[in-house]
Amino acid sequence: SHAHLVFAGDRAAEFAARMAGEPYTGGGIRTTVGATRAASDEQLRA
């Protein structure tokens, strides 16, 4: 009942940073926003 599947890119580096001790603040959402805006419909659909 809760999923965010329409996006482009990934944030693997952000994940690695968290595992190294950086706290999660939700700020990385804007990174995905930039990638999603730049993607084509077919890239998002895929």
All heavy atoms as atom14 arrays in JSON, in Angstrom:
{
  "sequence": "SHAHLVFAGDRAAEFAARMAGEPYTGGGIRTTVGATRAASDEQLRA",
  "atom14_mask": [
    [1, 1, 1, 1, 1, 1, 0, 0, 0, 0, 0, 0, 0, 0],
    [1, 1, 1, 1, 1, 1, 1, 1, 1, 1, 0, 0, 0, 0],
    [1, 1, 1, 1, 1, 0, 0, 0, 0, 0, 0, 0, 0, 0],
    [1, 1, 1, 1, 1, 1, 1, 1, 1, 1, 0, 0, 0, 0],
    [1, 1, 1, 1, 1, 1, 1, 1, 0, 0, 0, 0, 0, 0],
    [1, 1, 1, 1, 1, 1, 1, 0, 0, 0, 0, 0, 0, 0],
    [1, 1, 1, 1, 1, 1, 1, 1, 1, 1, 1, 0, 0, 0],
    [1, 1, 1, 1, 1, 0, 0, 0, 0, 0, 0, 0, 0, 0],
    [1, 1, 1, 1, 0, 0, 0, 0, 0, 0, 0, 0, 0, 0],
    [1, 1, 1, 1, 1, 1, 1, 1, 0, 0, 0, 0, 0, 0],
    [1, 1, 1, 1, 1, 1, 1, 1, 1, 1, 1, 0, 0, 0],
    [1, 1, 1, 1, 1, 0, 0, 0, 0, 0, 0, 0, 0, 0],
    [1, 1, 1, 1, 1, 0, 0, 0, 0, 0, 0, 0, 0, 0],
    [1, 1, 1, 1, 1, 1, 1, 1, 1, 0, 0, 0, 0, 0],
    [1, 1, 1, 1, 1, 1, 1, 1, 1, 1, 1, 0, 0, 0],
    [1, 1, 1, 1, 1, 0, 0, 0, 0, 0, 0, 0, 0, 0],
    [1, 1, 1, 1, 1, 0, 0, 0, 0, 0, 0, 0, 0, 0],
    [1, 1, 1, 1, 1, 1, 1, 1, 1, 1, 1, 0, 0, 0],
    [1, 1, 1, 1, 1, 1, 1, 1, 0, 0, 0, 0, 0, 0],
    [1, 1, 1, 1, 1, 0, 0, 0, 0, 0, 0, 0, 0, 0],
    [1, 1, 1, 1, 0, 0, 0, 0, 0, 0, 0, 0, 0, 0],
    [1, 1, 1, 1, 1, 1, 1, 1, 1, 0, 0, 0, 0, 0],
    [1, 1, 1, 1, 1, 1, 1, 0, 0, 0, 0, 0, 0, 0],
    [1, 1, 1, 1, 1, 1, 1, 1, 1, 1, 1, 1, 0, 0],
    [1, 1, 1, 1, 1, 1, 1, 0, 0, 0, 0, 0, 0, 0],
    [1, 1, 1, 1, 0, 0, 0, 0, 0, 0, 0, 0, 0, 0],
    [1, 1, 1, 1, 0, 0, 0, 0, 0, 0, 0, 0, 0, 0],
    [1, 1, 1, 1, 0, 0, 0, 0, 0, 0, 0, 0, 0, 0],
    [1, 1, 1, 1, 1, 1, 1, 1, 0, 0, 0, 0, 0, 0],
    [1, 1, 1, 1, 1, 1, 1, 1, 1, 1, 1, 0, 0, 0],
    [1, 1, 1, 1, 1, 1, 1, 0, 0, 0, 0, 0, 0, 0],
    [1, 1, 1, 1, 1, 1, 1, 0, 0, 0, 0, 0, 0, 0],
    [1, 1, 1, 1, 1, 1, 1, 0, 0, 0, 0, 0, 0, 0],
    [1, 1, 1, 1, 0, 0, 0, 0, 0, 0, 0, 0, 0, 0],
    [1, 1, 1, 1, 1, 0, 0, 0, 0, 0, 0, 0, 0, 0],
    [1, 1, 1, 1, 1, 1, 1, 0, 0, 0, 0, 0, 0, 0],
    [1, 1, 1, 1, 1, 1, 1, 1, 1, 1, 1, 0, 0, 0],
    [1, 1, 1, 1, 1, 0, 0, 0, 0, 0, 0, 0, 0, 0],
    [1, 1, 1, 1, 1, 0, 0, 0, 0, 0, 0, 0, 0, 0],
    [1, 1, 1, 1, 1, 1, 0, 0, 0, 0, 0, 0, 0, 0],
    [1, 1, 1, 1, 1, 1, 1, 1, 0, 0, 0, 0, 0, 0],
    [1, 1, 1, 1, 1, 1, 1, 1, 1, 0, 0, 0, 0, 0],
    [1, 1, 1, 1, 1, 1, 1, 1, 1, 0, 0, 0, 0, 0],
    [1, 1, 1, 1, 1, 1, 1, 1, 0, 0, 0, 0, 0, 0],
    [1, 1, 1, 1, 1, 1, 1, 1, 1, 1, 1, 0, 0, 0],
    [1, 1, 1, 1, 1, 0, 0, 0, 0, 0, 0, 0, 0, 0]
  ],
  "atom14_positions": [
    [[0.8, -1.23, 0.0], [0.0, 0.0, 0.0], [0.83, 1.27, 0.0], [0.26, 2.37, 0.14], [-0.93, 0.01, 1.22], [-0.19, 0.04, 2.43], [0.0, 0.0, 0.0], [0.0, 0.0, 0.0], [0.0, 0.0, 0.0], [0.0, 0.0, 0.0], [0.0, 0.0, 0.0], [0.0, 0.0, 0.0], [0.0, 0.0, 0.0], [0.0, 0.0, 0.0]],
    [[2.15, 1.17, -0.19], [2.99, 2.38, -0.17], [4.25, 2.13, -0.98], [5.16, 1.41, -0.54], [3.36, 2.72, 1.29], [4.09, 4.03, 1.46], [3.67, 5.0, 2.32], [5.23, 4.51, 0.91], [4.51, 6.03, 2.29], [5.48, 5.74, 1.43], [0.0, 0.0, 0.0], [0.0, 0.0, 0.0], [0.0, 0.0, 0.0], [0.0, 0.0, 0.0]],
    [[4.32, 2.73, -2.17], [5.5, 2.56, -3.02], [5.68, 3.79, -3.9], [4.71, 4.42, -4.32], [5.38, 1.31, -3.89], [0.0, 0.0, 0.0], [0.0, 0.0, 0.0], [0.0, 0.0, 0.0], [0.0, 0.0, 0.0], [0.0, 0.0, 0.0], [0.0, 0.0, 0.0], [0.0, 0.0, 0.0], [0.0, 0.0, 0.0], [0.0, 0.0, 0.0]],
    [[6.93, 4.13, -4.17], [7.3, 5.27, -5.02], [8.09, 4.72, -6.21], [9.31, 4.64, -6.15], [8.18, 6.25, -4.27], [7.66, 6.74, -2.95], [7.24, 8.04, -2.76], [7.52, 6.13, -1.75], [6.87, 8.22, -1.5], [7.02, 7.07, -0.87], [0.0, 0.0, 0.0], [0.0, 0.0, 0.0], [0.0, 0.0, 0.0], [0.0, 0.0, 0.0]],
    [[7.43, 4.32, -7.26], [8.12, 3.63, -8.36], [8.44, 4.51, -9.55], [9.19, 4.08, -10.43], [7.29, 2.43, -8.84], [6.87, 1.39, -7.81], [6.26, 0.18, -8.52], [8.02, 0.96, -6.9], [0.0, 0.0, 0.0], [0.0, 0.0, 0.0], [0.0, 0.0, 0.0], [0.0, 0.0, 0.0], [0.0, 0.0, 0.0], [0.0, 0.0, 0.0]],
    [[7.9, 5.72, -9.61], [8.13, 6.58, -10.77], [9.28, 7.53, -10.46], [9.11, 8.56, -9.81], [6.87, 7.39, -11.14], [7.08, 8.1, -12.48], [5.64, 6.5, -11.2], [0.0, 0.0, 0.0], [0.0, 0.0, 0.0], [0.0, 0.0, 0.0], [0.0, 0.0, 0.0], [0.0, 0.0, 0.0], [0.0, 0.0, 0.0], [0.0, 0.0, 0.0]],
    [[10.46, 7.14, -10.92], [11.65, 7.95, -10.66], [12.74, 7.57, -11.65], [12.63, 6.58, -12.37], [12.16, 7.75, -9.22], [12.64, 6.34, -8.93], [13.94, 5.96, -9.22], [11.78, 5.41, -8.38], [14.39, 4.67, -8.96], [12.21, 4.1, -8.12], [13.51, 3.74, -8.41], [0.0, 0.0, 0.0], [0.0, 0.0, 0.0], [0.0, 0.0, 0.0]],
    [[13.8, 8.36, -11.65], [15.0, 8.05, -12.45], [16.22, 8.11, -11.54], [16.22, 8.78, -10.51], [15.15, 9.02, -13.61], [0.0, 0.0, 0.0], [0.0, 0.0, 0.0], [0.0, 0.0, 0.0], [0.0, 0.0, 0.0], [0.0, 0.0, 0.0], [0.0, 0.0, 0.0], [0.0, 0.0, 0.0], [0.0, 0.0, 0.0], [0.0, 0.0, 0.0]],
    [[17.26, 7.41, -11.94], [18.52, 7.42, -11.19], [18.45, 6.54, -9.95], [17.49, 5.83, -9.71], [0.0, 0.0, 0.0], [0.0, 0.0, 0.0], [0.0, 0.0, 0.0], [0.0, 0.0, 0.0], [0.0, 0.0, 0.0], [0.0, 0.0, 0.0], [0.0, 0.0, 0.0], [0.0, 0.0, 0.0], [0.0, 0.0, 0.0], [0.0, 0.0, 0.0]],
    [[19.51, 6.59, -9.15], [19.5, 5.92, -7.87], [20.31, 6.75, -6.87], [20.88, 7.77, -7.23], [20.0, 4.48, -7.95], [21.51, 4.36, -8.16], [22.27, 5.26, -7.76], [21.94, 3.34, -8.72], [0.0, 0.0, 0.0], [0.0, 0.0, 0.0], [0.0, 0.0, 0.0], [0.0, 0.0, 0.0], [0.0, 0.0, 0.0], [0.0, 0.0, 0.0]],
    [[20.29, 6.32, -5.62], [21.02, 7.04, -4.58], [21.87, 6.08, -3.77], [21.9, 6.1, -2.54], [20.03, 7.82, -3.71], [19.58, 9.11, -4.39], [18.2, 9.56, -4.05], [17.95, 9.76, -2.63], [16.72, 9.93, -2.11], [15.67, 9.92, -2.91], [16.56, 10.11, -0.82], [0.0, 0.0, 0.0], [0.0, 0.0, 0.0], [0.0, 0.0, 0.0]],
    [[22.59, 5.22, -4.5], [23.44, 4.23, -3.85], [24.53, 4.89, -3.02], [24.88, 4.42, -1.93], [24.05, 3.29, -4.89], [0.0, 0.0, 0.0], [0.0, 0.0, 0.0], [0.0, 0.0, 0.0], [0.0, 0.0, 0.0], [0.0, 0.0, 0.0], [0.0, 0.0, 0.0], [0.0, 0.0, 0.0], [0.0, 0.0, 0.0], [0.0, 0.0, 0.0]],
    [[25.07, 6.0, -3.52], [26.14, 6.7, -2.78], [25.6, 7.26, -1.46], [26.29, 7.24, -0.44], [26.73, 7.81, -3.63], [0.0, 0.0, 0.0], [0.0, 0.0, 0.0], [0.0, 0.0, 0.0], [0.0, 0.0, 0.0], [0.0, 0.0, 0.0], [0.0, 0.0, 0.0], [0.0, 0.0, 0.0], [0.0, 0.0, 0.0], [0.0, 0.0, 0.0]],
    [[24.36, 7.74, -1.5], [23.73, 8.24, -0.28], [23.56, 7.1, 0.74], [23.79, 7.27, 1.94], [22.37, 8.85, -0.62], [21.58, 9.35, 0.57], [20.17, 9.76, 0.18], [19.99, 10.44, -0.86], [19.24, 9.39, 0.91], [0.0, 0.0, 0.0], [0.0, 0.0, 0.0], [0.0, 0.0, 0.0], [0.0, 0.0, 0.0], [0.0, 0.0, 0.0]],
    [[23.16, 5.93, 0.25], [23.02, 4.77, 1.13], [24.37, 4.42, 1.77], [24.46, 4.18, 2.97], [22.49, 3.58, 0.34], [22.48, 2.29, 1.12], [21.48, 2.03, 2.04], [23.47, 1.34, 0.91], [21.47, 0.84, 2.76], [23.47, 0.15, 1.62], [22.47, -0.1, 2.56], [0.0, 0.0, 0.0], [0.0, 0.0, 0.0], [0.0, 0.0, 0.0]],
    [[25.41, 4.4, 0.95], [26.74, 4.08, 1.48], [27.17, 5.09, 2.55], [27.75, 4.71, 3.57], [27.76, 4.04, 0.34], [0.0, 0.0, 0.0], [0.0, 0.0, 0.0], [0.0, 0.0, 0.0], [0.0, 0.0, 0.0], [0.0, 0.0, 0.0], [0.0, 0.0, 0.0], [0.0, 0.0, 0.0], [0.0, 0.0, 0.0], [0.0, 0.0, 0.0]],
    [[26.85, 6.36, 2.33], [27.2, 7.39, 3.31], [26.44, 7.16, 4.62], [27.01, 7.33, 5.71], [26.89, 8.77, 2.74], [0.0, 0.0, 0.0], [0.0, 0.0, 0.0], [0.0, 0.0, 0.0], [0.0, 0.0, 0.0], [0.0, 0.0, 0.0], [0.0, 0.0, 0.0], [0.0, 0.0, 0.0], [0.0, 0.0, 0.0], [0.0, 0.0, 0.0]],
    [[25.17, 6.77, 4.53], [24.42, 6.49, 5.76], [25.02, 5.32, 6.5], [25.13, 5.32, 7.73], [22.95, 6.19, 5.43], [22.12, 7.4, 5.13], [20.64, 7.1, 5.32], [20.17, 5.97, 4.53], [19.77, 6.05, 3.28], [19.8, 7.2, 2.64], [19.33, 4.98, 2.64], [0.0, 0.0, 0.0], [0.0, 0.0, 0.0], [0.0, 0.0, 0.0]],
    [[25.41, 4.3, 5.76], [26.02, 3.14, 6.42], [27.35, 3.49, 7.06], [27.81, 2.81, 7.98], [26.2, 1.99, 5.41], [24.89, 1.44, 4.85], [23.69, 0.87, 6.11], [22.54, 2.27, 6.17], [0.0, 0.0, 0.0], [0.0, 0.0, 0.0], [0.0, 0.0, 0.0], [0.0, 0.0, 0.0], [0.0, 0.0, 0.0], [0.0, 0.0, 0.0]],
    [[27.95, 4.58, 6.59], [29.2, 5.06, 7.19], [28.96, 6.04, 8.34], [29.91, 6.55, 8.93], [30.07, 5.72, 6.13], [0.0, 0.0, 0.0], [0.0, 0.0, 0.0], [0.0, 0.0, 0.0], [0.0, 0.0, 0.0], [0.0, 0.0, 0.0], [0.0, 0.0, 0.0], [0.0, 0.0, 0.0], [0.0, 0.0, 0.0], [0.0, 0.0, 0.0]],
    [[27.68, 6.32, 8.61], [27.39, 7.13, 9.79], [26.64, 8.42, 9.58], [26.27, 9.08, 10.56], [0.0, 0.0, 0.0], [0.0, 0.0, 0.0], [0.0, 0.0, 0.0], [0.0, 0.0, 0.0], [0.0, 0.0, 0.0], [0.0, 0.0, 0.0], [0.0, 0.0, 0.0], [0.0, 0.0, 0.0], [0.0, 0.0, 0.0], [0.0, 0.0, 0.0]],
    [[26.38, 8.83, 8.34], [25.63, 10.07, 8.13], [24.15, 9.83, 8.43], [23.59, 8.81, 8.04], [25.8, 10.56, 6.68], [27.2, 11.06, 6.37], [27.28, 11.72, 5.01], [26.21, 12.03, 4.44], [28.41, 11.92, 4.52], [0.0, 0.0, 0.0], [0.0, 0.0, 0.0], [0.0, 0.0, 0.0], [0.0, 0.0, 0.0], [0.0, 0.0, 0.0]],
    [[23.48, 10.79, 9.09], [22.06, 10.6, 9.43], [21.17, 10.8, 8.21], [21.54, 11.48, 7.25], [21.8, 11.69, 10.47], [22.79, 12.77, 10.13], [24.02, 12.05, 9.63], [0.0, 0.0, 0.0], [0.0, 0.0, 0.0], [0.0, 0.0, 0.0], [0.0, 0.0, 0.0], [0.0, 0.0, 0.0], [0.0, 0.0, 0.0], [0.0, 0.0, 0.0]],
    [[19.98, 10.2, 8.27], [18.99, 10.39, 7.21], [18.12, 11.58, 7.56], [17.56, 11.65, 8.65], [18.11, 9.14, 7.04], [17.02, 9.34, 6.02], [17.32, 9.44, 4.67], [15.68, 9.46, 6.4], [16.33, 9.64, 3.72], [14.68, 9.65, 5.45], [15.01, 9.74, 4.12], [14.03, 9.94, 3.19], [0.0, 0.0, 0.0], [0.0, 0.0, 0.0]],
    [[17.97, 12.53, 6.63], [17.15, 13.71, 6.85], [16.04, 13.87, 5.83], [15.19, 14.74, 5.96], [18.01, 14.99, 6.79], [18.53, 15.13, 5.46], [19.16, 14.92, 7.78], [0.0, 0.0, 0.0], [0.0, 0.0, 0.0], [0.0, 0.0, 0.0], [0.0, 0.0, 0.0], [0.0, 0.0, 0.0], [0.0, 0.0, 0.0], [0.0, 0.0, 0.0]],
    [[16.02, 13.05, 4.79], [15.03, 13.19, 3.73], [15.46, 14.16, 2.64], [14.76, 14.32, 1.64], [0.0, 0.0, 0.0], [0.0, 0.0, 0.0], [0.0, 0.0, 0.0], [0.0, 0.0, 0.0], [0.0, 0.0, 0.0], [0.0, 0.0, 0.0], [0.0, 0.0, 0.0], [0.0, 0.0, 0.0], [0.0, 0.0, 0.0], [0.0, 0.0, 0.0]],
    [[16.61, 14.81, 2.82], [17.04, 15.83, 1.86], [17.4, 15.29, 0.5], [17.39, 16.04, -0.49], [0.0, 0.0, 0.0], [0.0, 0.0, 0.0], [0.0, 0.0, 0.0], [0.0, 0.0, 0.0], [0.0, 0.0, 0.0], [0.0, 0.0, 0.0], [0.0, 0.0, 0.0], [0.0, 0.0, 0.0], [0.0, 0.0, 0.0], [0.0, 0.0, 0.0]],
    [[17.71, 14.0, 0.41], [18.11, 13.43, -0.87], [16.99, 13.33, -1.88], [17.24, 13.03, -3.06], [0.0, 0.0, 0.0], [0.0, 0.0, 0.0], [0.0, 0.0, 0.0], [0.0, 0.0, 0.0], [0.0, 0.0, 0.0], [0.0, 0.0, 0.0], [0.0, 0.0, 0.0], [0.0, 0.0, 0.0], [0.0, 0.0, 0.0], [0.0, 0.0, 0.0]],
    [[15.74, 13.55, -1.44], [14.61, 13.5, -2.36], [14.85, 14.43, -3.54], [14.54, 14.1, -4.69], [13.31, 13.86, -1.63], [12.95, 12.76, -0.63], [12.16, 14.09, -2.61], [11.83, 13.13, 0.33], [0.0, 0.0, 0.0], [0.0, 0.0, 0.0], [0.0, 0.0, 0.0], [0.0, 0.0, 0.0], [0.0, 0.0, 0.0], [0.0, 0.0, 0.0]],
    [[15.45, 15.59, -3.27], [15.64, 16.57, -4.35], [16.61, 16.05, -5.42], [16.52, 16.45, -6.58], [16.14, 17.9, -3.77], [15.06, 18.61, -2.94], [15.52, 19.99, -2.48], [14.47, 20.67, -1.7], [14.33, 20.56, -0.38], [15.18, 19.81, 0.31], [13.35, 21.21, 0.25], [0.0, 0.0, 0.0], [0.0, 0.0, 0.0], [0.0, 0.0, 0.0]],
    [[17.52, 15.17, -5.05], [18.42, 14.55, -6.03], [17.61, 13.74, -7.03], [17.83, 13.81, -8.25], [19.44, 13.65, -5.32], [20.18, 14.41, -4.38], [20.38, 12.99, -6.32], [0.0, 0.0, 0.0], [0.0, 0.0, 0.0], [0.0, 0.0, 0.0], [0.0, 0.0, 0.0], [0.0, 0.0, 0.0], [0.0, 0.0, 0.0], [0.0, 0.0, 0.0]],
    [[16.67, 12.96, -6.52], [15.83, 12.15, -7.4], [14.91, 13.03, -8.23], [14.61, 12.7, -9.39], [15.02, 11.14, -6.57], [15.93, 10.31, -5.84], [14.14, 10.27, -7.45], [0.0, 0.0, 0.0], [0.0, 0.0, 0.0], [0.0, 0.0, 0.0], [0.0, 0.0, 0.0], [0.0, 0.0, 0.0], [0.0, 0.0, 0.0], [0.0, 0.0, 0.0]],
    [[14.45, 14.14, -7.68], [13.61, 15.06, -8.44], [14.33, 15.54, -9.69], [13.77, 15.53, -10.8], [13.17, 16.25, -7.56], [12.52, 17.35, -8.41], [12.21, 15.78, -6.47], [0.0, 0.0, 0.0], [0.0, 0.0, 0.0], [0.0, 0.0, 0.0], [0.0, 0.0, 0.0], [0.0, 0.0, 0.0], [0.0, 0.0, 0.0], [0.0, 0.0, 0.0]],
    [[15.59, 15.92, -9.56], [16.35, 16.39, -10.71], [16.48, 15.32, -11.78], [16.28, 15.6, -12.98], [0.0, 0.0, 0.0], [0.0, 0.0, 0.0], [0.0, 0.0, 0.0], [0.0, 0.0, 0.0], [0.0, 0.0, 0.0], [0.0, 0.0, 0.0], [0.0, 0.0, 0.0], [0.0, 0.0, 0.0], [0.0, 0.0, 0.0], [0.0, 0.0, 0.0]],
    [[16.78, 14.09, -11.36], [16.93, 13.01, -12.33], [15.6, 12.66, -12.99], [15.54, 12.38, -14.2], [17.51, 11.78, -11.64], [0.0, 0.0, 0.0], [0.0, 0.0, 0.0], [0.0, 0.0, 0.0], [0.0, 0.0, 0.0], [0.0, 0.0, 0.0], [0.0, 0.0, 0.0], [0.0, 0.0, 0.0], [0.0, 0.0, 0.0], [0.0, 0.0, 0.0]],
    [[14.52, 12.71, -12.24], [13.21, 12.36, -12.77], [12.74, 13.39, -13.78], [12.2, 13.05, -14.85], [12.2, 12.22, -11.63], [12.67, 11.23, -10.71], [10.82, 11.84, -12.14], [0.0, 0.0, 0.0], [0.0, 0.0, 0.0], [0.0, 0.0, 0.0], [0.0, 0.0, 0.0], [0.0, 0.0, 0.0], [0.0, 0.0, 0.0], [0.0, 0.0, 0.0]],
    [[12.94, 14.65, -13.48], [12.54, 15.7, -14.43], [13.28, 15.56, -15.75], [12.74, 15.85, -16.82], [12.82, 17.08, -13.83], [11.89, 17.48, -12.7], [12.3, 18.81, -12.1], [11.38, 19.27, -11.06], [11.53, 20.39, -10.37], [12.59, 21.17, -10.61], [10.66, 20.73, -9.45], [0.0, 0.0, 0.0], [0.0, 0.0, 0.0], [0.0, 0.0, 0.0]],
    [[14.54, 15.11, -15.69], [15.36, 15.01, -16.91], [15.08, 13.75, -17.71], [15.5, 13.65, -18.87], [16.84, 15.05, -16.53], [0.0, 0.0, 0.0], [0.0, 0.0, 0.0], [0.0, 0.0, 0.0], [0.0, 0.0, 0.0], [0.0, 0.0, 0.0], [0.0, 0.0, 0.0], [0.0, 0.0, 0.0], [0.0, 0.0, 0.0], [0.0, 0.0, 0.0]],
    [[14.35, 12.79, -17.13], [14.12, 11.51, -17.81], [12.96, 11.62, -18.8], [12.05, 12.43, -18.64], [13.81, 10.44, -16.77], [0.0, 0.0, 0.0], [0.0, 0.0, 0.0], [0.0, 0.0, 0.0], [0.0, 0.0, 0.0], [0.0, 0.0, 0.0], [0.0, 0.0, 0.0], [0.0, 0.0, 0.0], [0.0, 0.0, 0.0], [0.0, 0.0, 0.0]],
    [[13.01, 10.76, -19.81], [11.9, 10.68, -20.76], [10.77, 9.84, -20.18], [10.95, 9.09, -19.21], [12.37, 10.02, -22.06], [12.68, 8.65, -21.83], [0.0, 0.0, 0.0], [0.0, 0.0, 0.0], [0.0, 0.0, 0.0], [0.0, 0.0, 0.0], [0.0, 0.0, 0.0], [0.0, 0.0, 0.0], [0.0, 0.0, 0.0], [0.0, 0.0, 0.0]],
    [[9.6, 9.94, -20.8], [8.48, 9.11, -20.38], [8.85, 7.63, -20.44], [8.52, 6.86, -19.53], [7.26, 9.35, -21.28], [6.55, 10.65, -20.99], [7.1, 11.49, -20.25], [5.44, 10.85, -21.52], [0.0, 0.0, 0.0], [0.0, 0.0, 0.0], [0.0, 0.0, 0.0], [0.0, 0.0, 0.0], [0.0, 0.0, 0.0], [0.0, 0.0, 0.0]],
    [[9.51, 7.23, -21.52], [9.82, 5.81, -21.67], [10.83, 5.34, -20.63], [10.75, 4.2, -20.15], [10.33, 5.51, -23.08], [10.44, 4.01, -23.37], [9.21, 3.2, -22.93], [8.08, 3.59, -23.25], [9.41, 2.17, -22.25], [0.0, 0.0, 0.0], [0.0, 0.0, 0.0], [0.0, 0.0, 0.0], [0.0, 0.0, 0.0], [0.0, 0.0, 0.0]],
    [[11.78, 6.19, -20.25], [12.7, 5.82, -19.18], [11.97, 5.63, -17.86], [12.23, 4.66, -17.13], [13.79, 6.9, -19.04], [14.81, 6.9, -20.16], [15.74, 8.11, -20.09], [15.32, 9.23, -19.8], [17.02, 7.87, -20.36], [0.0, 0.0, 0.0], [0.0, 0.0, 0.0], [0.0, 0.0, 0.0], [0.0, 0.0, 0.0], [0.0, 0.0, 0.0]],
    [[11.05, 6.52, -17.54], [10.28, 6.36, -16.31], [9.4, 5.12, -16.38], [9.3, 4.35, -15.41], [9.41, 7.61, -16.07], [10.16, 8.92, -15.83], [9.17, 10.06, -15.65], [11.08, 8.82, -14.61], [0.0, 0.0, 0.0], [0.0, 0.0, 0.0], [0.0, 0.0, 0.0], [0.0, 0.0, 0.0], [0.0, 0.0, 0.0], [0.0, 0.0, 0.0]],
    [[8.77, 4.92, -17.51], [7.9, 3.75, -17.69], [8.7, 2.46, -17.53], [8.22, 1.49, -16.92], [7.24, 3.81, -19.06], [6.23, 2.73, -19.32], [5.51, 2.93, -20.65], [4.61, 4.08, -20.62], [4.83, 5.22, -21.28], [5.95, 5.38, -22.03], [3.96, 6.2, -21.21], [0.0, 0.0, 0.0], [0.0, 0.0, 0.0], [0.0, 0.0, 0.0]],
    [[9.91, 2.43, -18.06], [10.74, 1.24, -17.96], [11.09, 0.92, -16.51], [11.13, -0.25, -16.1], [12.01, 1.41, -18.79], [0.0, 0.0, 0.0], [0.0, 0.0, 0.0], [0.0, 0.0, 0.0], [0.0, 0.0, 0.0], [0.0, 0.0, 0.0], [0.0, 0.0, 0.0], [0.0, 0.0, 0.0], [0.0, 0.0, 0.0], [0.0, 0.0, 0.0]]
  ]
}
